[in-house]
């Protein structure tokens, strides 16, 4: 009798206009249509009746219930309302995430054990709340989704087992040697340097010490990246290229948040947010890089969710799904960006995708799927990992490669017991000084400007050194000083970079003299505020020399003078 009453209560909440329920990843409109949960309160009317934008006003000081929602809705803490089906469904439908708080920890109570005995285990895992009469539907329900055919694999008992490095020592070393053999004379691999370096480090994660060759390879990576930045700036770089550079820096234990003064992770975060705002597609590999740097957002996870459930053929590719799965695993384990129920939904949808066809794929897809399955540790897909392992082993060529740099980069970490999620895992990153490599300063492709940099001892009438120097636009003064000391040894300086504002305490082997009260002080004269020969208009500069960007025709002088 109870079950009949429960079904009667739920029918207006869960069924569409034609009597079929909305999927676990959808919310019902007032007219019975279903829309993706990510479209609710997104400022666009996606429901035919516009109901998805009718309950989106937030609390104010004077009105704590601005939308006056009925009992068919759940009111978020911030005042917005969502259909009751969105409560505890594993997805954050409320902007403040209050819809996933205080959800039942146990799926079914003892009182419902008889009626639930014949339920599908995936549905049972999400369960229901008898007290409120709300059914917590799974994110992926095989009973209502034809993408999940029930086959003999569903009945196979599988137990996840880790791949051990020792099992694949021969294959791994052959692949490593092949990558190294492809290295150019400058210790790089051209445009494939980020991937090649990442593959080498991910396949050798237990070796803590780095030798001279390692340092030369990393140096080449830095020079290539710095030259790319000098030519075009980080904003002109594609998101995927910037993400690959960040991954390689992490793999080599360099700090991508301070690459010679550039916060590459911050730049990537800004660029991704901009792309989202203008409706551009962002590759899940980019979201993975953000996650590895603890910079993934709720909006990012919504976009990944949209990819998983999209009917777009391009987004339905198995490699795109594998990258999305890797990112979801990262988000769940690293910073809990998604709820456990949401993560389970990602896994179920990924499993459904793999089971929807007899997938073997090519070496590129197979490697990404293998990485995703290994990190998600899916017992029910152990048969697939076994098949993929055998398939990938057959793809290794006599020379040790798996066909090319890209394929070897994707496969090699697998046979090292690693994956893209292990980037930077064994690093103790030391913060760098933020200095641009001197090679880049000398070869910058940007427009050049003329700067006058001089040294003075005690009196303005005793200028001992004047240097006319040509530098790229937007070069900070600290880098100009470094170029100057390359040109003239008398400009060699010592810098204390441990303070918030760096201090130059010696130039030309003449240090600050506290006893005599003599200190090196920077003075600046800009063409915009003085006649060219008016040295009396030199103004002391007490800011950060890393942030000082001289303009064409400016004069800068370090003056040894008393306080």
Protein backbone atom coordinates (compact mmCIF):
# COMPACT_ATOMS: atom_id res chain seq x y z
CA UNK A 1 0.00 0.00 0.00
CA UNK A 2 2.87 2.31 0.87
CA UNK A 3 4.52 1.80 -2.50
CA UNK A 4 1.31 2.74 -4.31
CA UNK A 5 0.97 5.96 -2.33
CA UNK A 6 4.63 6.79 -2.95
CA UNK A 7 4.21 6.36 -6.68
CA UNK A 8 1.14 8.62 -6.63
CA UNK A 9 3.03 11.34 -4.77
CA UNK A 10 6.03 11.23 -7.08
CA UNK A 11 4.30 11.11 -10.43
CA UNK A 12 3.81 14.86 -10.87
CA UNK A 13 7.43 15.50 -9.86
CA UNK A 14 9.28 12.99 -12.03
CA UNK A 15 7.22 12.43 -15.18
CA UNK A 16 7.30 14.46 -18.36
CA UNK A 17 4.23 15.47 -20.32
CA UNK A 18 4.22 12.14 -22.17
CA UNK A 19 4.55 10.11 -18.97
CA UNK A 20 8.26 9.28 -19.18
CA UNK A 21 10.63 10.34 -16.39
CA UNK A 22 13.39 12.91 -16.85
CA UNK A 23 16.88 11.44 -16.86
CA UNK A 24 18.95 11.70 -13.72
CA UNK A 25 20.96 14.52 -15.29
CA UNK A 26 17.87 16.56 -16.22
CA UNK A 27 15.38 18.80 -14.46
CA UNK A 28 11.67 19.06 -15.38
CA UNK A 29 10.13 22.29 -16.63
CA UNK A 30 6.67 23.29 -15.37
CA UNK A 31 5.16 22.12 -18.67
CA UNK A 32 6.72 18.65 -18.31
CA UNK A 33 9.61 19.09 -20.71
CA UNK A 34 13.10 18.12 -19.54
CA UNK A 35 16.29 20.17 -19.76
CA UNK A 36 19.84 19.49 -18.68
CA UNK A 37 20.44 20.46 -15.05
CA UNK A 38 23.25 22.81 -16.10
CA UNK A 39 20.75 24.96 -18.04
CA UNK A 40 18.66 25.84 -14.97
CA UNK A 41 19.12 29.53 -14.07
CA UNK A 42 21.75 30.13 -16.76
CA UNK A 43 20.06 33.40 -17.91
CA UNK A 44 18.65 31.73 -21.06
CA UNK A 45 15.12 30.40 -21.29
CA UNK A 46 15.62 26.77 -22.27
CA UNK A 47 12.21 25.49 -21.13
CA UNK A 48 9.44 26.23 -23.66
CA UNK A 49 7.46 27.89 -20.85
CA UNK A 50 10.50 29.74 -19.48
CA UNK A 51 10.12 28.13 -16.07
CA UNK A 52 13.87 27.43 -15.81
CA UNK A 53 14.45 31.17 -15.36
CA UNK A 54 11.36 31.91 -13.23
CA UNK A 55 12.82 30.97 -9.84
CA UNK A 56 16.30 32.47 -10.02
CA UNK A 57 16.07 35.57 -7.84
CA UNK A 58 18.41 35.52 -4.85
CA UNK A 59 17.76 36.40 -1.22
CA UNK A 60 17.94 40.02 -0.18
CA UNK A 61 18.10 41.57 3.27
CA UNK A 62 14.37 42.29 3.11
CA UNK A 63 13.16 39.15 1.32
CA UNK A 64 14.45 35.70 2.24
CA UNK A 65 12.06 33.88 -0.10
CA UNK A 66 11.93 35.98 -3.29
CA UNK A 67 10.63 33.24 -5.62
CA UNK A 68 7.68 31.96 -3.52
CA UNK A 69 8.29 28.41 -4.74
CA UNK A 70 5.76 25.65 -4.15
CA UNK A 71 6.43 22.36 -2.38
CA UNK A 72 7.41 20.85 -5.75
CA UNK A 73 10.66 22.79 -5.49
CA UNK A 74 13.70 22.83 -3.26
CA UNK A 75 14.80 26.28 -2.10
CA UNK A 76 18.56 26.78 -2.22
CA UNK A 77 20.17 28.64 0.66
CA UNK A 78 20.66 31.67 -1.58
CA UNK A 79 16.93 31.85 -2.39
CA UNK A 80 16.85 30.26 -5.84
CA UNK A 81 14.57 27.27 -6.38
CA UNK A 82 15.12 24.05 -8.31
CA UNK A 83 12.71 21.18 -9.00
CA UNK A 84 12.64 18.75 -6.11
CA UNK A 85 14.18 16.07 -8.34
CA UNK A 86 17.45 18.02 -8.24
CA UNK A 87 17.74 17.56 -4.49
CA UNK A 88 20.47 15.00 -3.63
CA UNK A 89 20.81 13.75 -7.21
CA UNK A 90 24.61 13.97 -7.20
CA UNK A 91 24.86 17.23 -9.17
CA UNK A 92 25.20 20.73 -7.76
CA UNK A 93 22.08 22.37 -9.19
CA UNK A 94 22.18 25.19 -6.62
CA UNK A 95 24.93 27.71 -7.14
CA UNK A 96 25.71 27.50 -3.41
CA UNK A 97 25.67 23.66 -3.54
CA UNK A 98 23.06 23.46 -0.78
CA UNK A 99 21.03 20.89 -2.77
CA UNK A 100 23.72 18.27 -2.08
CA UNK A 101 24.06 18.91 1.66
CA UNK A 102 22.56 16.67 4.34
CA UNK A 103 21.76 13.92 1.86
CA UNK A 104 21.06 10.42 3.21
CA UNK A 105 24.25 8.43 3.70
CA UNK A 106 22.52 5.07 3.51
CA UNK A 107 20.58 4.35 0.37
CA UNK A 108 17.80 2.21 1.83
CA UNK A 109 16.57 1.63 5.32
CA UNK A 110 15.61 -1.78 6.67
CA UNK A 111 11.93 -0.99 6.21
CA UNK A 112 12.35 -0.90 2.43
CA UNK A 113 14.75 -3.81 2.09
CA UNK A 114 12.06 -6.16 0.74
CA UNK A 115 10.80 -3.83 -1.97
CA UNK A 116 14.35 -2.87 -2.94
CA UNK A 117 15.69 -6.39 -3.20
CA UNK A 118 14.94 -6.65 -6.91
CA UNK A 119 16.23 -3.19 -7.84
CA UNK A 120 19.18 -2.60 -10.11
CA UNK A 121 22.28 -2.17 -7.93
CA UNK A 122 23.14 1.19 -9.54
CA UNK A 123 19.72 2.59 -8.64
CA UNK A 124 19.86 1.02 -5.20
CA UNK A 125 23.15 2.74 -4.50
CA UNK A 126 21.43 6.11 -4.80
CA UNK A 127 18.34 5.03 -2.95
CA UNK A 128 15.33 6.91 -1.69
CA UNK A 129 14.12 8.71 1.38
CA UNK A 130 10.92 7.09 2.65
CA UNK A 131 10.36 9.92 5.08
CA UNK A 132 9.96 12.57 2.39
CA UNK A 133 8.83 10.38 -0.49
CA UNK A 134 11.66 11.61 -2.72
CA UNK A 135 13.37 9.21 -5.08
CA UNK A 136 17.07 9.94 -5.42
CA UNK A 137 17.56 8.83 -9.01
CA UNK A 138 20.99 7.83 -10.20
CA UNK A 139 22.85 10.10 -12.64
CA UNK A 140 22.79 7.21 -15.06
CA UNK A 141 19.91 4.75 -14.79
CA UNK A 142 20.26 1.70 -17.05
CA UNK A 143 16.52 1.05 -16.88
CA UNK A 144 15.73 4.24 -18.79
CA UNK A 145 18.86 4.68 -20.91
CA UNK A 146 19.32 2.60 -24.02
CA UNK A 147 23.03 3.38 -24.05
CA UNK A 148 23.57 0.70 -21.44
CA UNK A 149 22.70 -2.70 -22.90
CA UNK A 150 22.78 -5.45 -20.32
CA UNK A 151 25.25 -8.05 -21.53
CA UNK A 152 27.30 -10.88 -20.13
CA UNK A 153 29.91 -8.42 -18.85
CA UNK A 154 27.43 -7.17 -16.24
CA UNK A 155 27.47 -10.60 -14.65
CA UNK A 156 31.24 -11.09 -14.68
CA UNK A 157 32.89 -10.76 -11.29
CA UNK A 158 35.92 -8.50 -11.68
CA UNK A 159 38.43 -7.19 -9.17
CA UNK A 160 40.60 -4.19 -9.96
CA UNK A 161 44.32 -4.88 -9.90
CA UNK A 162 47.17 -2.39 -10.25
CA UNK A 163 49.66 -2.66 -13.09
CA UNK A 164 53.17 -3.17 -11.76
CA UNK A 165 56.19 -1.47 -13.29
CA UNK A 166 58.32 -4.59 -13.03
CA UNK A 167 56.03 -6.46 -15.43
CA UNK A 168 56.86 -4.10 -18.29
CA UNK A 169 60.51 -3.15 -17.70
CA UNK A 170 61.62 -4.20 -21.18
CA UNK A 171 58.81 -2.39 -23.02
CA UNK A 172 59.25 0.71 -20.90
CA UNK A 173 63.00 1.01 -21.38
CA UNK A 174 62.72 0.46 -25.15
CA UNK A 175 60.14 3.23 -25.37
CA UNK A 176 62.23 5.60 -23.24
CA UNK A 177 65.32 4.99 -25.35
CA UNK A 178 63.32 5.64 -28.51
CA UNK A 179 62.06 9.00 -27.19
CA UNK A 180 65.61 10.00 -26.23
CA UNK A 181 66.86 8.94 -29.67
CA UNK A 182 64.46 11.44 -31.25
CA UNK A 183 65.98 14.33 -29.33
CA UNK A 184 67.53 17.15 -31.36
CA UNK A 185 70.98 18.63 -30.78
CA UNK A 186 69.50 21.37 -28.60
CA UNK A 187 68.14 18.67 -26.22
CA UNK A 188 64.56 19.31 -27.30
CA UNK A 189 62.01 17.72 -29.61
CA UNK A 190 60.75 20.80 -31.42
CA UNK A 191 57.01 21.30 -30.95
CA UNK A 192 56.76 17.92 -29.19
CA UNK A 193 59.18 18.90 -26.39
CA UNK A 194 56.44 19.27 -23.72
CA UNK A 195 54.99 15.83 -24.45
CA UNK A 196 58.35 14.06 -24.78
CA UNK A 197 59.62 15.51 -21.50
CA UNK A 198 56.36 14.70 -19.71
CA UNK A 199 56.46 11.09 -20.93
CA UNK A 200 60.05 10.61 -19.77
CA UNK A 201 59.37 11.92 -16.28
CA UNK A 202 56.06 10.07 -15.86
CA UNK A 203 57.79 6.83 -16.84
CA UNK A 204 60.58 7.37 -14.32
CA UNK A 205 58.75 8.71 -11.29
CA UNK A 206 60.81 6.79 -8.75
CA UNK A 207 64.14 8.36 -9.72
CA UNK A 208 64.54 11.39 -7.49
CA UNK A 209 67.93 12.68 -8.71
CA UNK A 210 68.28 14.63 -11.95
CA UNK A 211 71.48 14.58 -13.98
CA UNK A 212 73.01 17.11 -16.36
CA UNK A 213 71.06 15.77 -19.34
CA UNK A 214 67.81 16.26 -17.43
CA UNK A 215 68.74 19.86 -16.72
CA UNK A 216 69.56 20.52 -20.37
CA UNK A 217 66.22 19.06 -21.51
CA UNK A 218 64.30 21.16 -19.00
CA UNK A 219 66.33 24.22 -19.98
CA UNK A 220 65.34 23.71 -23.61
CA UNK A 221 61.68 23.45 -22.58
CA UNK A 222 62.00 26.73 -20.70
CA UNK A 223 63.71 28.47 -23.62
CA UNK A 224 61.04 27.28 -26.09
CA UNK A 225 58.23 28.41 -23.81
CA UNK A 226 59.86 31.74 -23.03
CA UNK A 227 60.42 32.40 -26.74
CA UNK A 228 56.77 31.60 -27.45
CA UNK A 229 55.75 34.07 -24.74
CA UNK A 230 58.18 36.71 -26.01
CA UNK A 231 56.88 36.39 -29.59
CA UNK A 232 53.17 36.24 -28.95
CA UNK A 233 52.40 36.45 -25.25
CA UNK A 234 50.54 33.73 -23.35
CA UNK A 235 47.12 35.01 -24.42
CA UNK A 236 47.92 34.28 -28.08
CA UNK A 237 48.82 30.67 -27.30
CA UNK A 238 46.11 28.04 -27.73
CA UNK A 239 44.65 26.68 -24.50
CA UNK A 240 45.85 23.16 -25.26
CA UNK A 241 49.41 24.30 -26.04
CA UNK A 242 49.59 26.31 -22.83
CA UNK A 243 48.20 23.33 -20.88
CA UNK A 244 50.86 21.03 -22.38
CA UNK A 245 53.60 23.46 -21.34
CA UNK A 246 52.19 23.63 -17.81
CA UNK A 247 52.05 19.83 -17.63
CA UNK A 248 55.68 19.55 -18.73
CA UNK A 249 56.77 22.11 -16.14
CA UNK A 250 54.94 20.17 -13.44
CA UNK A 251 56.48 16.89 -14.62
CA UNK A 252 59.95 18.43 -14.39
CA UNK A 253 59.20 19.91 -10.94
CA UNK A 254 59.09 23.52 -12.10
CA UNK A 255 56.51 25.97 -10.81
CA UNK A 256 54.06 26.97 -13.58
CA UNK A 257 52.60 29.67 -11.34
CA UNK A 258 55.90 31.54 -11.47
CA UNK A 259 57.58 30.91 -14.79
CA UNK A 260 60.06 33.78 -14.86
CA UNK A 261 57.43 36.13 -13.51
CA UNK A 262 54.51 34.67 -15.52
CA UNK A 263 51.64 32.93 -13.76
CA UNK A 264 50.83 30.42 -16.50
CA UNK A 265 48.13 28.71 -14.45
CA UNK A 266 46.41 32.03 -13.77
CA UNK A 267 46.61 32.88 -17.47
CA UNK A 268 45.07 29.52 -18.38
CA UNK A 269 42.30 30.02 -15.81
CA UNK A 270 41.46 33.46 -17.19
CA UNK A 271 41.52 32.23 -20.80
CA UNK A 272 39.25 29.27 -20.03
CA UNK A 273 36.73 31.49 -18.24
CA UNK A 274 36.73 33.87 -21.21
CA UNK A 275 36.22 30.98 -23.65
CA UNK A 276 33.29 29.74 -21.58
CA UNK A 277 31.70 33.19 -21.54
CA UNK A 278 31.80 33.48 -25.34
CA UNK A 279 30.59 29.92 -25.87
CA UNK A 280 33.82 28.35 -27.15
CA UNK A 281 34.57 24.66 -26.64
CA UNK A 282 37.28 23.91 -24.08
CA UNK A 283 39.07 20.57 -24.35
CA UNK A 284 38.75 18.43 -21.20
CA UNK A 285 42.55 18.08 -21.23
CA UNK A 286 42.69 21.79 -20.35
CA UNK A 287 40.29 21.26 -17.44
CA UNK A 288 42.55 18.42 -16.29
CA UNK A 289 45.55 20.78 -16.16
CA UNK A 290 43.53 23.27 -14.12
CA UNK A 291 42.46 20.52 -11.75
CA UNK A 292 46.04 19.34 -11.25
CA UNK A 293 46.83 22.90 -10.19
CA UNK A 294 43.78 23.15 -7.88
CA UNK A 295 42.16 25.76 -10.10
CA UNK A 296 39.05 23.95 -11.36
CA UNK A 297 35.64 25.50 -10.75
CA UNK A 298 32.02 24.48 -10.47
CA UNK A 299 31.42 25.91 -13.95
CA UNK A 300 34.19 23.68 -15.35
CA UNK A 301 32.55 20.58 -13.91
CA UNK A 302 29.22 21.62 -15.41
CA UNK A 303 30.87 21.82 -18.82
CA UNK A 304 32.37 18.34 -18.39
CA UNK A 305 28.97 17.03 -17.40
CA UNK A 306 27.48 18.55 -20.55
CA UNK A 307 30.11 16.76 -22.64
CA UNK A 308 29.27 13.40 -21.11
CA UNK A 309 25.57 13.71 -21.88
CA UNK A 310 25.86 15.64 -25.14
CA UNK A 311 24.28 14.21 -28.28
CA UNK A 312 26.93 15.96 -30.38
CA UNK A 313 28.85 13.26 -32.26
CA UNK A 314 32.17 15.08 -31.86
CA UNK A 315 31.75 15.28 -28.08
CA UNK A 316 30.70 11.63 -27.98
CA UNK A 317 34.21 10.45 -28.90
CA UNK A 318 35.63 7.92 -26.48
CA UNK A 319 38.90 9.84 -26.08
CA UNK A 320 37.01 12.99 -25.07
CA UNK A 321 35.07 10.92 -22.54
CA UNK A 322 38.30 9.39 -21.23
CA UNK A 323 39.84 12.83 -20.65
CA UNK A 324 36.63 13.94 -18.94
CA UNK A 325 36.77 10.87 -16.71
CA UNK A 326 40.39 11.58 -15.77
CA UNK A 327 39.42 15.14 -14.86
CA UNK A 328 36.45 13.99 -12.79
CA UNK A 329 38.73 11.58 -10.91
CA UNK A 330 41.19 14.41 -10.30
CA UNK A 331 38.42 16.73 -9.09
CA UNK A 332 36.98 14.14 -6.73
CA UNK A 333 40.25 13.00 -5.16
CA UNK A 334 42.26 16.23 -5.08
CA UNK A 335 39.95 18.97 -3.89
CA UNK A 336 36.48 17.40 -3.69
CA UNK A 337 35.15 19.72 -6.40
CA UNK A 338 32.32 17.25 -7.03
CA UNK A 339 30.12 15.24 -4.70
CA UNK A 340 30.58 11.48 -4.40
CA UNK A 341 27.23 10.91 -6.11
CA UNK A 342 28.28 13.09 -9.04
CA UNK A 343 31.54 11.21 -9.38
CA UNK A 344 29.64 7.93 -9.40
CA UNK A 345 27.49 9.36 -12.19
CA UNK A 346 30.59 10.16 -14.24
CA UNK A 347 31.82 6.60 -13.78
CA UNK A 348 28.49 5.05 -14.73
CA UNK A 349 28.22 7.13 -17.87
CA UNK A 350 31.80 6.26 -18.84
CA UNK A 351 31.11 2.56 -18.29
CA UNK A 352 27.96 2.86 -20.39
CA UNK A 353 29.95 4.44 -23.20
CA UNK A 354 32.46 1.59 -23.18
CA UNK A 355 29.74 -1.07 -23.06
CA UNK A 356 27.70 0.51 -25.83
CA UNK A 357 29.95 -1.01 -28.48
CA UNK A 358 32.69 -3.60 -28.83
CA UNK A 359 35.39 -1.02 -28.29
CA UNK A 360 39.03 -1.71 -28.99
CA UNK A 361 39.90 1.56 -30.65
CA UNK A 362 43.24 2.77 -31.89
CA UNK A 363 46.40 3.17 -29.84
CA UNK A 364 45.61 6.81 -28.97
CA UNK A 365 42.08 6.16 -27.74
CA UNK A 366 43.05 2.92 -26.05
CA UNK A 367 45.82 4.61 -24.06
CA UNK A 368 43.55 7.39 -22.78
CA UNK A 369 40.81 4.92 -21.87
CA UNK A 370 43.37 2.76 -20.07
CA UNK A 371 44.62 5.73 -18.05
CA UNK A 372 41.06 6.72 -17.13
CA UNK A 373 40.08 3.20 -16.07
CA UNK A 374 43.25 2.71 -14.05
CA UNK A 375 42.74 5.94 -12.11
CA UNK A 376 39.01 5.40 -11.55
CA UNK A 377 39.68 1.81 -10.34
CA UNK A 378 36.49 0.35 -11.77
CA UNK A 379 36.14 -3.29 -10.76
CA UNK A 380 33.43 -3.99 -13.32
CA UNK A 381 35.70 -2.83 -16.15
CA UNK A 382 38.73 -4.95 -15.26
CA UNK A 383 38.01 -7.11 -18.30
CA UNK A 384 38.38 -4.02 -20.47
CA UNK A 385 41.69 -3.05 -18.88
CA UNK A 386 42.95 -6.57 -19.54
CA UNK A 387 41.93 -6.32 -23.20
CA UNK A 388 43.47 -2.87 -23.56
CA UNK A 389 46.73 -3.95 -21.95
CA UNK A 390 47.10 -6.80 -24.43
CA UNK A 391 46.18 -4.53 -27.32
CA UNK A 392 48.67 -1.80 -26.34
CA UNK A 393 51.50 -4.30 -25.96
CA UNK A 394 50.93 -5.39 -29.57
CA UNK A 395 51.28 -1.78 -30.73
CA UNK A 396 54.93 -1.38 -29.73
CA UNK A 397 57.25 -1.28 -32.74
CA UNK A 398 60.66 -2.89 -33.04
CA UNK A 399 62.34 0.47 -32.41
CA UNK A 400 60.53 0.76 -29.06
CA UNK A 401 58.03 3.42 -30.07
CA UNK A 402 54.28 3.05 -30.26
CA UNK A 403 54.25 4.73 -33.66
CA UNK A 404 55.05 8.37 -32.89
CA UNK A 405 55.78 10.79 -30.06
CA UNK A 406 52.08 11.33 -29.32
CA UNK A 407 51.26 7.62 -29.06
CA UNK A 408 54.37 6.87 -26.99
CA UNK A 409 53.60 9.83 -24.71
CA UNK A 410 50.13 8.39 -24.03
CA UNK A 411 51.16 4.74 -23.59
CA UNK A 412 54.49 4.95 -21.76
CA UNK A 413 53.08 6.18 -18.41
CA UNK A 414 50.67 3.23 -18.33
CA UNK A 415 53.45 0.66 -18.33
CA UNK A 416 55.17 2.69 -15.63
CA UNK A 417 52.20 2.43 -13.26
CA UNK A 418 51.51 6.12 -13.85
CA UNK A 419 49.17 8.51 -15.66
CA UNK A 420 48.64 12.20 -16.33
CA UNK A 421 47.19 12.48 -12.81
CA UNK A 422 50.66 11.85 -11.37
CA UNK A 423 52.13 15.06 -12.79
CA UNK A 424 54.24 16.83 -10.18
CA UNK A 425 53.34 14.27 -7.54
CA UNK A 426 56.90 13.68 -6.32
CA UNK A 427 58.02 17.29 -6.49
CA UNK A 428 58.90 19.73 -3.78
CA UNK A 429 58.62 22.81 -5.94
CA UNK A 430 60.96 25.64 -5.05
CA UNK A 431 59.81 29.10 -5.97
CA UNK A 432 61.94 30.66 -8.70
CA UNK A 433 63.26 34.21 -8.93
CA UNK A 434 61.11 35.11 -11.91
CA UNK A 435 64.01 35.97 -14.24
CA UNK A 436 63.66 35.53 -17.99
CA UNK A 437 66.38 33.36 -19.60
CA UNK A 438 69.09 35.59 -21.06
CA UNK A 439 68.81 33.78 -24.41
CA UNK A 440 65.23 34.98 -24.69
CA UNK A 441 66.11 38.57 -23.80
CA UNK A 442 68.72 38.65 -26.55
CA UNK A 443 66.44 37.11 -29.18
CA UNK A 444 63.06 38.64 -28.39
CA UNK A 445 60.97 39.13 -31.54
CA UNK A 446 58.98 42.09 -30.22
CA UNK A 447 59.56 45.68 -31.32
CA UNK A 448 62.79 47.16 -29.92
CA UNK A 449 63.11 50.42 -27.95
CA UNK A 450 66.17 52.46 -26.86
CA UNK A 451 66.95 52.86 -23.16
CA UNK A 452 69.76 54.79 -21.45
CA UNK A 453 71.09 53.08 -18.31
CA UNK A 454 73.89 54.76 -16.35
CA UNK A 455 75.83 54.48 -13.09
CA UNK A 456 76.77 57.43 -10.88
CA UNK A 457 78.99 57.68 -7.83
CA UNK A 458 78.11 60.28 -5.15
CA UNK A 459 77.64 63.27 -7.45
CA UNK A 460 75.61 63.84 -10.59
CA UNK A 461 78.72 65.41 -12.10
CA UNK A 462 80.63 62.15 -11.72
CA UNK A 463 78.74 59.80 -13.98
CA UNK A 464 81.24 57.07 -14.71
CA UNK A 465 79.27 54.76 -17.00
CA UNK A 466 76.58 55.42 -19.61
CA UNK A 467 75.10 52.56 -21.61
CA UNK A 468 72.72 52.92 -24.54
CA UNK A 469 70.85 49.64 -24.82
CA UNK A 470 68.19 48.29 -27.18
CA UNK A 471 65.55 46.02 -25.63
CA UNK A 472 62.17 44.56 -26.51
CA UNK A 473 59.09 46.50 -25.47
CA UNK A 474 57.59 45.53 -22.11
CA UNK A 475 60.97 44.33 -20.76
CA UNK A 476 61.19 44.96 -17.02
CA UNK A 477 64.16 46.86 -15.62
CA UNK A 478 65.59 43.88 -13.74
CA UNK A 479 65.97 42.05 -17.06
CA UNK A 480 67.52 45.19 -18.59
CA UNK A 481 70.09 45.17 -15.77
CA UNK A 482 70.88 41.55 -16.56
CA UNK A 483 71.41 42.38 -20.23
CA UNK A 484 73.63 45.31 -19.25
CA UNK A 485 75.94 43.15 -17.14
CA UNK A 486 76.27 40.79 -20.11
CA UNK A 487 77.48 43.75 -22.20
CA UNK A 488 79.69 45.48 -19.61
CA UNK A 489 81.15 43.73 -16.50
CA UNK A 490 81.08 47.05 -14.61
CA UNK A 491 77.29 46.71 -14.53
CA UNK A 492 77.41 43.42 -12.65
CA UNK A 493 75.10 43.56 -9.67
CA UNK A 494 74.00 41.57 -6.65
CA UNK A 495 70.33 41.30 -5.76
CA UNK A 496 68.54 40.33 -2.56
CA UNK A 497 65.37 38.70 -3.93
CA UNK A 498 64.14 37.30 -0.61
CA UNK A 499 62.27 40.49 0.29
CA UNK A 500 58.90 41.61 -1.02
CA UNK A 501 60.66 44.37 -2.99
CA UNK A 502 64.05 43.14 -4.33
CA UNK A 503 67.07 45.18 -3.22
CA UNK A 504 70.18 45.83 -5.34
CA UNK A 505 73.00 45.93 -2.78
CA UNK A 506 76.10 45.93 -4.99
CA UNK A 507 77.00 47.16 -8.49
CA UNK A 508 80.41 46.88 -10.14
CA UNK A 509 81.80 45.21 -7.01
CA UNK A 510 80.90 48.28 -4.94
CA UNK A 511 78.45 47.28 -2.18
CA UNK A 512 76.15 49.41 -0.05
CA UNK A 513 78.07 50.91 2.88
CA UNK A 514 75.82 51.26 5.91
CA UNK A 515 78.56 52.76 8.14
CA UNK A 516 79.05 55.65 5.70
CA UNK A 517 75.36 55.76 4.85
CA UNK A 518 76.01 55.17 1.14
CA UNK A 519 73.47 53.12 -0.81
CA UNK A 520 72.65 52.37 -4.43
CA UNK A 521 69.41 54.16 -5.30
CA UNK A 522 67.58 53.99 -8.62
CA UNK A 523 66.51 57.24 -10.30
CA UNK A 524 64.25 57.46 -13.35
CA UNK A 525 63.68 60.23 -15.88
CA UNK A 526 60.96 59.72 -18.47
CA UNK A 527 60.81 61.64 -21.74
CA UNK A 528 57.21 62.40 -20.91
CA UNK A 529 58.00 64.51 -17.84
CA UNK A 530 61.26 66.38 -18.54
CA UNK A 531 63.54 67.91 -21.17
CA UNK A 532 66.02 65.30 -22.42
CA UNK A 533 69.11 66.95 -20.84
CA UNK A 534 67.52 67.95 -17.55
CA UNK A 535 69.23 65.53 -15.14
CA UNK A 536 67.87 67.51 -12.21
CA UNK A 537 64.46 66.00 -12.93
CA UNK A 538 65.62 62.44 -12.11
CA UNK A 539 63.13 61.00 -9.66
CA UNK A 540 64.04 58.32 -7.05
CA UNK A 541 62.26 55.02 -7.67
CA UNK A 542 61.40 52.89 -4.63
CA UNK A 543 59.13 50.31 -6.24
CA UNK A 544 59.78 46.77 -7.46
CA UNK A 545 62.28 46.81 -10.34
CA UNK A 546 60.60 43.68 -11.71
CA UNK A 547 57.47 45.77 -12.27
CA UNK A 548 59.25 48.78 -13.78
CA UNK A 549 58.68 48.78 -17.57
CA UNK A 550 60.74 51.58 -19.17
CA UNK A 551 59.46 53.34 -22.30
CA UNK A 552 61.47 54.32 -25.35
CA UNK A 553 63.85 57.20 -24.57
CA UNK A 554 63.68 56.79 -20.78
CA UNK A 555 66.84 57.28 -18.72
CA UNK A 556 67.55 55.15 -15.68
CA UNK A 557 70.42 55.71 -13.28
CA UNK A 558 71.68 53.82 -10.26
CA UNK A 559 73.26 56.43 -8.00
CA UNK A 560 75.55 55.64 -5.08
CA UNK A 561 74.59 58.39 -2.66
CA UNK A 562 74.09 59.08 1.01
CA UNK A 563 70.68 58.87 2.61
